[in-house]
Amino acid sequence: MAIDMYWIRSPRGEPAIKNFIAALKNKNNVVSENAMSALANAGQYAFDYLMIELLDKDAQYRTKIRWILSKADPNWTHHEATNRAIPGFIEALNSKDKDIRLGAIEALGEIKDSVRLNL
């Protein structure tokens, strides 16, 4: 049986990305690190899902997500998925949860480009 190099684009790709994201919080470091690697290799196909994770309450987890994004694409802050996520980050600034607000601040701080933020 041949390995499908384009599996991430197949109907199995989306559920796999969601499973890898869930595995990031696994207490077993090997499982978590393998998930990080798989998501980095998935590249742009995982970006929309990873952007949501930048608003997680756990600061260490958000750091993992930024690492994955930077490994997948060093210019992730200029990716289309990042542009689509900006309104959600701005909205999250009004969250009652300070950790979610902090995640939004960190994400927007990474993006840094006030022209792209339309501020």
N, C-alpha and C. Protein backbone atom coordinates (compact mmCIF):
# COMPACT_ATOMS: atom_id res chain seq x y z
N MET A 1 0.84 -1.17 0.00
CA MET A 1 0.00 0.00 0.00
C MET A 1 0.89 1.24 0.00
N ALA A 2 0.60 2.16 -0.88
CA ALA A 2 1.37 3.40 -0.97
C ALA A 2 0.82 4.42 0.02
N ILE A 3 1.70 5.27 0.51
CA ILE A 3 1.28 6.35 1.40
C ILE A 3 0.80 7.52 0.56
N ASP A 4 -0.37 8.01 0.86
CA ASP A 4 -0.94 9.15 0.14
C ASP A 4 -0.28 10.42 0.66
N MET A 5 0.57 11.02 -0.15
CA MET A 5 1.28 12.23 0.26
C MET A 5 0.34 13.42 0.42
N TYR A 6 -0.84 13.32 -0.16
CA TYR A 6 -1.79 14.42 -0.11
C TYR A 6 -2.96 14.13 0.83
N TRP A 7 -2.72 13.27 1.83
CA TRP A 7 -3.78 12.87 2.75
C TRP A 7 -4.41 14.07 3.44
N ILE A 8 -3.62 15.11 3.71
CA ILE A 8 -4.13 16.27 4.44
C ILE A 8 -5.24 16.96 3.65
N ARG A 9 -5.22 16.81 2.34
CA ARG A 9 -6.25 17.42 1.49
C ARG A 9 -7.47 16.51 1.32
N SER A 10 -7.37 15.30 1.80
CA SER A 10 -8.44 14.34 1.63
C SER A 10 -9.52 14.56 2.70
N PRO A 11 -10.63 13.84 2.60
CA PRO A 11 -11.67 13.96 3.64
C PRO A 11 -11.17 13.58 5.03
N ARG A 12 -10.08 12.82 5.11
CA ARG A 12 -9.52 12.45 6.41
C ARG A 12 -8.65 13.55 7.01
N GLY A 13 -8.31 14.54 6.21
CA GLY A 13 -7.40 15.59 6.67
C GLY A 13 -7.94 16.42 7.82
N GLU A 14 -9.17 16.91 7.70
CA GLU A 14 -9.74 17.76 8.74
C GLU A 14 -9.87 17.04 10.08
N PRO A 15 -10.43 15.82 10.12
CA PRO A 15 -10.49 15.12 11.41
C PRO A 15 -9.10 14.86 11.99
N ALA A 16 -8.13 14.59 11.13
CA ALA A 16 -6.76 14.34 11.60
C ALA A 16 -6.19 15.60 12.25
N ILE A 17 -6.39 16.74 11.62
CA ILE A 17 -5.90 18.01 12.19
C ILE A 17 -6.52 18.24 13.56
N LYS A 18 -7.82 18.02 13.67
CA LYS A 18 -8.50 18.20 14.95
C LYS A 18 -7.94 17.24 16.01
N ASN A 19 -7.64 16.01 15.61
CA ASN A 19 -7.05 15.05 16.55
C ASN A 19 -5.65 15.46 16.97
N PHE A 20 -4.86 15.96 16.03
CA PHE A 20 -3.51 16.43 16.36
C PHE A 20 -3.58 17.61 17.33
N ILE A 21 -4.52 18.51 17.10
CA ILE A 21 -4.67 19.65 18.01
C ILE A 21 -5.05 19.17 19.40
N ALA A 22 -5.96 18.23 19.49
CA ALA A 22 -6.33 17.67 20.80
C ALA A 22 -5.13 17.02 21.46
N ALA A 23 -4.28 16.37 20.67
CA ALA A 23 -3.11 15.68 21.21
C ALA A 23 -2.05 16.65 21.74
N LEU A 24 -2.12 17.90 21.35
CA LEU A 24 -1.15 18.89 21.86
C LEU A 24 -1.21 19.02 23.38
N LYS A 25 -2.38 18.76 23.95
CA LYS A 25 -2.56 18.90 25.40
C LYS A 25 -2.32 17.59 26.14
N ASN A 26 -1.91 16.57 25.41
CA ASN A 26 -1.63 15.28 26.04
C ASN A 26 -0.45 15.42 26.99
N LYS A 27 -0.55 14.83 28.15
CA LYS A 27 0.51 14.93 29.16
C LYS A 27 1.76 14.13 28.77
N ASN A 28 1.60 13.21 27.84
CA ASN A 28 2.74 12.44 27.34
C ASN A 28 3.49 13.32 26.32
N ASN A 29 4.72 13.71 26.66
CA ASN A 29 5.48 14.62 25.80
C ASN A 29 5.71 14.07 24.40
N VAL A 30 5.87 12.77 24.27
CA VAL A 30 6.09 12.18 22.95
C VAL A 30 4.86 12.39 22.08
N VAL A 31 3.69 12.17 22.63
CA VAL A 31 2.44 12.36 21.89
C VAL A 31 2.30 13.83 21.49
N SER A 32 2.52 14.71 22.44
CA SER A 32 2.39 16.15 22.19
C SER A 32 3.40 16.62 21.13
N GLU A 33 4.64 16.19 21.24
CA GLU A 33 5.67 16.61 20.29
C GLU A 33 5.41 16.05 18.89
N ASN A 34 4.90 14.83 18.81
CA ASN A 34 4.54 14.26 17.50
C ASN A 34 3.39 15.04 16.88
N ALA A 35 2.44 15.46 17.69
CA ALA A 35 1.32 16.26 17.19
C ALA A 35 1.82 17.61 16.69
N MET A 36 2.76 18.20 17.43
CA MET A 36 3.33 19.48 17.00
C MET A 36 4.00 19.34 15.64
N SER A 37 4.76 18.28 15.48
CA SER A 37 5.45 18.03 14.21
C SER A 37 4.46 17.80 13.07
N ALA A 38 3.43 17.00 13.34
CA ALA A 38 2.43 16.72 12.30
C ALA A 38 1.71 17.99 11.87
N LEU A 39 1.37 18.84 12.83
CA LEU A 39 0.68 20.09 12.49
C LEU A 39 1.59 21.04 11.74
N ALA A 40 2.85 21.10 12.13
CA ALA A 40 3.80 21.95 11.39
C ALA A 40 3.94 21.46 9.95
N ASN A 41 3.96 20.13 9.78
CA ASN A 41 4.05 19.57 8.43
C ASN A 41 2.76 19.74 7.63
N ALA A 42 1.64 19.85 8.32
CA ALA A 42 0.36 20.07 7.62
C ALA A 42 0.31 21.47 7.02
N GLY A 43 1.11 22.37 7.57
CA GLY A 43 1.22 23.72 7.02
C GLY A 43 -0.08 24.47 6.97
N GLN A 44 -0.31 25.10 5.85
CA GLN A 44 -1.46 25.99 5.70
C GLN A 44 -2.80 25.29 5.91
N TYR A 45 -2.83 23.98 5.74
CA TYR A 45 -4.09 23.26 5.91
C TYR A 45 -4.56 23.26 7.37
N ALA A 46 -3.65 23.51 8.27
CA ALA A 46 -4.00 23.53 9.70
C ALA A 46 -4.17 24.95 10.23
N PHE A 47 -3.84 25.96 9.44
CA PHE A 47 -3.79 27.33 9.95
C PHE A 47 -5.10 27.84 10.54
N ASP A 48 -6.21 27.62 9.86
CA ASP A 48 -7.49 28.12 10.40
C ASP A 48 -7.78 27.54 11.77
N TYR A 49 -7.46 26.28 11.96
CA TYR A 49 -7.68 25.62 13.25
C TYR A 49 -6.71 26.14 14.30
N LEU A 50 -5.47 26.35 13.89
CA LEU A 50 -4.45 26.82 14.83
C LEU A 50 -4.73 28.26 15.27
N MET A 51 -5.27 29.08 14.40
CA MET A 51 -5.57 30.47 14.77
C MET A 51 -6.54 30.52 15.95
N ILE A 52 -7.52 29.65 15.94
CA ILE A 52 -8.49 29.60 17.03
C ILE A 52 -7.79 29.26 18.34
N GLU A 53 -6.81 28.38 18.26
CA GLU A 53 -6.09 27.94 19.45
C GLU A 53 -5.23 29.05 20.08
N LEU A 54 -4.95 30.11 19.33
CA LEU A 54 -4.18 31.21 19.89
C LEU A 54 -4.96 31.96 20.98
N LEU A 55 -6.23 31.66 21.12
CA LEU A 55 -7.06 32.29 22.16
C LEU A 55 -7.26 31.36 23.36
N ASP A 56 -6.54 30.27 23.41
CA ASP A 56 -6.65 29.34 24.54
C ASP A 56 -6.20 30.03 25.83
N LYS A 57 -6.75 29.58 26.96
CA LYS A 57 -6.42 30.18 28.26
C LYS A 57 -5.00 29.86 28.73
N ASP A 58 -4.42 28.78 28.25
CA ASP A 58 -3.11 28.31 28.71
C ASP A 58 -1.99 28.99 27.92
N ALA A 59 -1.17 29.78 28.60
CA ALA A 59 -0.09 30.53 27.94
C ALA A 59 0.95 29.61 27.30
N GLN A 60 1.29 28.51 27.97
CA GLN A 60 2.27 27.58 27.40
C GLN A 60 1.73 26.92 26.13
N TYR A 61 0.45 26.64 26.14
CA TYR A 61 -0.19 26.05 24.97
C TYR A 61 -0.15 27.04 23.80
N ARG A 62 -0.45 28.31 24.09
CA ARG A 62 -0.40 29.33 23.03
C ARG A 62 1.02 29.44 22.45
N THR A 63 2.02 29.28 23.29
CA THR A 63 3.40 29.31 22.83
C THR A 63 3.66 28.15 21.87
N LYS A 64 3.12 26.97 22.19
CA LYS A 64 3.24 25.81 21.29
C LYS A 64 2.62 26.13 19.94
N ILE A 65 1.45 26.74 19.98
CA ILE A 65 0.74 27.05 18.74
C ILE A 65 1.57 28.01 17.88
N ARG A 66 2.12 29.05 18.49
CA ARG A 66 2.95 30.00 17.73
C ARG A 66 4.20 29.30 17.16
N TRP A 67 4.77 28.36 17.92
CA TRP A 67 5.92 27.61 17.43
C TRP A 67 5.52 26.81 16.20
N ILE A 68 4.38 26.13 16.27
CA ILE A 68 3.91 25.32 15.13
C ILE A 68 3.70 26.22 13.91
N LEU A 69 3.04 27.35 14.12
CA LEU A 69 2.79 28.27 13.01
C LEU A 69 4.10 28.75 12.39
N SER A 70 5.07 29.08 13.23
CA SER A 70 6.34 29.59 12.70
C SER A 70 7.13 28.50 11.97
N LYS A 71 7.00 27.24 12.42
CA LYS A 71 7.66 26.14 11.71
C LYS A 71 6.96 25.84 10.39
N ALA A 72 5.65 25.94 10.38
CA ALA A 72 4.88 25.68 9.16
C ALA A 72 5.14 26.76 8.11
N ASP A 73 5.24 28.00 8.60
CA ASP A 73 5.48 29.13 7.70
C ASP A 73 6.07 30.27 8.52
N PRO A 74 7.35 30.57 8.33
CA PRO A 74 7.97 31.66 9.10
C PRO A 74 7.25 33.00 8.94
N ASN A 75 6.49 33.15 7.87
CA ASN A 75 5.73 34.37 7.63
C ASN A 75 4.24 34.19 7.93
N TRP A 76 3.94 33.37 8.93
CA TRP A 76 2.55 33.04 9.24
C TRP A 76 1.72 34.27 9.56
N THR A 77 2.34 35.33 10.05
CA THR A 77 1.58 36.53 10.41
C THR A 77 1.02 37.23 9.17
N HIS A 78 1.49 36.86 7.99
CA HIS A 78 0.99 37.46 6.75
C HIS A 78 0.17 36.47 5.93
N HIS A 79 -0.20 35.38 6.53
CA HIS A 79 -0.97 34.33 5.85
C HIS A 79 -2.44 34.73 5.78
N GLU A 80 -3.14 34.22 4.78
CA GLU A 80 -4.58 34.49 4.63
C GLU A 80 -5.37 34.10 5.86
N ALA A 81 -5.02 32.98 6.47
CA ALA A 81 -5.73 32.52 7.68
C ALA A 81 -5.56 33.53 8.81
N THR A 82 -4.39 34.14 8.88
CA THR A 82 -4.16 35.16 9.91
C THR A 82 -5.07 36.35 9.65
N ASN A 83 -5.15 36.76 8.40
CA ASN A 83 -6.04 37.88 8.06
C ASN A 83 -7.49 37.56 8.43
N ARG A 84 -7.91 36.33 8.17
CA ARG A 84 -9.29 35.95 8.51
C ARG A 84 -9.50 35.93 10.02
N ALA A 85 -8.44 35.67 10.78
CA ALA A 85 -8.57 35.55 12.25
C ALA A 85 -8.54 36.89 12.96
N ILE A 86 -8.04 37.93 12.33
CA ILE A 86 -7.88 39.23 12.99
C ILE A 86 -9.19 39.73 13.61
N PRO A 87 -10.32 39.71 12.92
CA PRO A 87 -11.56 40.18 13.56
C PRO A 87 -11.89 39.40 14.84
N GLY A 88 -11.64 38.10 14.85
CA GLY A 88 -11.88 37.29 16.05
C GLY A 88 -10.95 37.68 17.19
N PHE A 89 -9.70 37.99 16.85
CA PHE A 89 -8.75 38.44 17.88
C PHE A 89 -9.20 39.77 18.47
N ILE A 90 -9.64 40.67 17.60
CA ILE A 90 -10.10 41.98 18.08
C ILE A 90 -11.33 41.81 18.95
N GLU A 91 -12.26 40.96 18.54
CA GLU A 91 -13.46 40.70 19.35
C GLU A 91 -13.10 40.10 20.70
N ALA A 92 -12.09 39.23 20.71
CA ALA A 92 -11.67 38.57 21.96
C ALA A 92 -11.08 39.56 22.96
N LEU A 93 -10.69 40.73 22.52
CA LEU A 93 -10.19 41.75 23.44
C LEU A 93 -11.26 42.17 24.44
N ASN A 94 -12.52 41.92 24.10
CA ASN A 94 -13.64 42.27 24.98
C ASN A 94 -14.11 41.11 25.85
N SER A 95 -13.40 39.99 25.80
CA SER A 95 -13.79 38.83 26.59
C SER A 95 -13.74 39.13 28.09
N LYS A 96 -14.62 38.50 28.84
CA LYS A 96 -14.60 38.64 30.30
C LYS A 96 -13.42 37.86 30.90
N ASP A 97 -12.90 36.91 30.14
CA ASP A 97 -11.80 36.08 30.61
C ASP A 97 -10.46 36.75 30.27
N LYS A 98 -9.70 37.09 31.31
CA LYS A 98 -8.44 37.80 31.09
C LYS A 98 -7.43 36.98 30.29
N ASP A 99 -7.46 35.66 30.42
CA ASP A 99 -6.52 34.83 29.68
C ASP A 99 -6.83 34.81 28.18
N ILE A 100 -8.11 34.86 27.85
CA ILE A 100 -8.49 34.95 26.44
C ILE A 100 -8.09 36.32 25.88
N ARG A 101 -8.30 37.37 26.68
CA ARG A 101 -7.86 38.71 26.25
C ARG A 101 -6.35 38.72 26.02
N LEU A 102 -5.62 38.08 26.94
CA LEU A 102 -4.16 38.03 26.80
C LEU A 102 -3.76 37.28 25.52
N GLY A 103 -4.44 36.19 25.23
CA GLY A 103 -4.17 35.46 23.99
C GLY A 103 -4.38 36.33 22.77
N ALA A 104 -5.45 37.12 22.78
CA ALA A 104 -5.73 38.03 21.67
C ALA A 104 -4.65 39.10 21.56
N ILE A 105 -4.23 39.64 22.69
CA ILE A 105 -3.17 40.66 22.69
C ILE A 105 -1.88 40.07 22.13
N GLU A 106 -1.53 38.87 22.57
CA GLU A 106 -0.32 38.22 22.07
C GLU A 106 -0.40 37.99 20.56
N ALA A 107 -1.55 37.50 20.10
CA ALA A 107 -1.70 37.23 18.66
C ALA A 107 -1.60 38.52 17.86
N LEU A 108 -2.30 39.54 18.31
CA LEU A 108 -2.25 40.81 17.60
C LEU A 108 -0.85 41.42 17.68
N GLY A 109 -0.18 41.23 18.79
CA GLY A 109 1.19 41.71 18.93
C GLY A 109 2.13 41.04 17.95
N GLU A 110 1.91 39.76 17.69
CA GLU A 110 2.72 39.04 16.71
C GLU A 110 2.48 39.61 15.31
N ILE A 111 1.26 39.95 15.04
CA ILE A 111 0.91 40.45 13.71
C ILE A 111 1.50 41.85 13.50
N LYS A 112 1.41 42.69 14.52
CA LYS A 112 2.06 43.99 14.60
C LYS A 112 1.71 45.03 13.54
N ASP A 113 1.16 44.67 12.47
CA ASP A 113 1.00 45.59 11.35
C ASP A 113 -0.32 46.34 11.47
N SER A 114 -0.28 47.55 12.03
CA SER A 114 -1.52 48.30 12.29
C SER A 114 -2.28 48.62 11.01
N VAL A 115 -1.61 48.66 9.88
CA VAL A 115 -2.31 48.91 8.61
C VAL A 115 -3.22 47.74 8.30
N ARG A 116 -2.72 46.51 8.52
CA ARG A 116 -3.52 45.32 8.27
C ARG A 116 -4.66 45.20 9.27
N LEU A 117 -4.47 45.79 10.47
CA LEU A 117 -5.52 45.73 11.48
C LEU A 117 -6.60 46.79 11.28
N ASN A 118 -6.36 47.71 10.36
CA ASN A 118 -7.30 48.81 10.11
C ASN A 118 -7.59 49.62 11.35
N LEU A 119 -6.56 49.90 12.15
CA LEU A 119 -6.74 50.70 13.36
C LEU A 119 -6.49 52.17 13.05
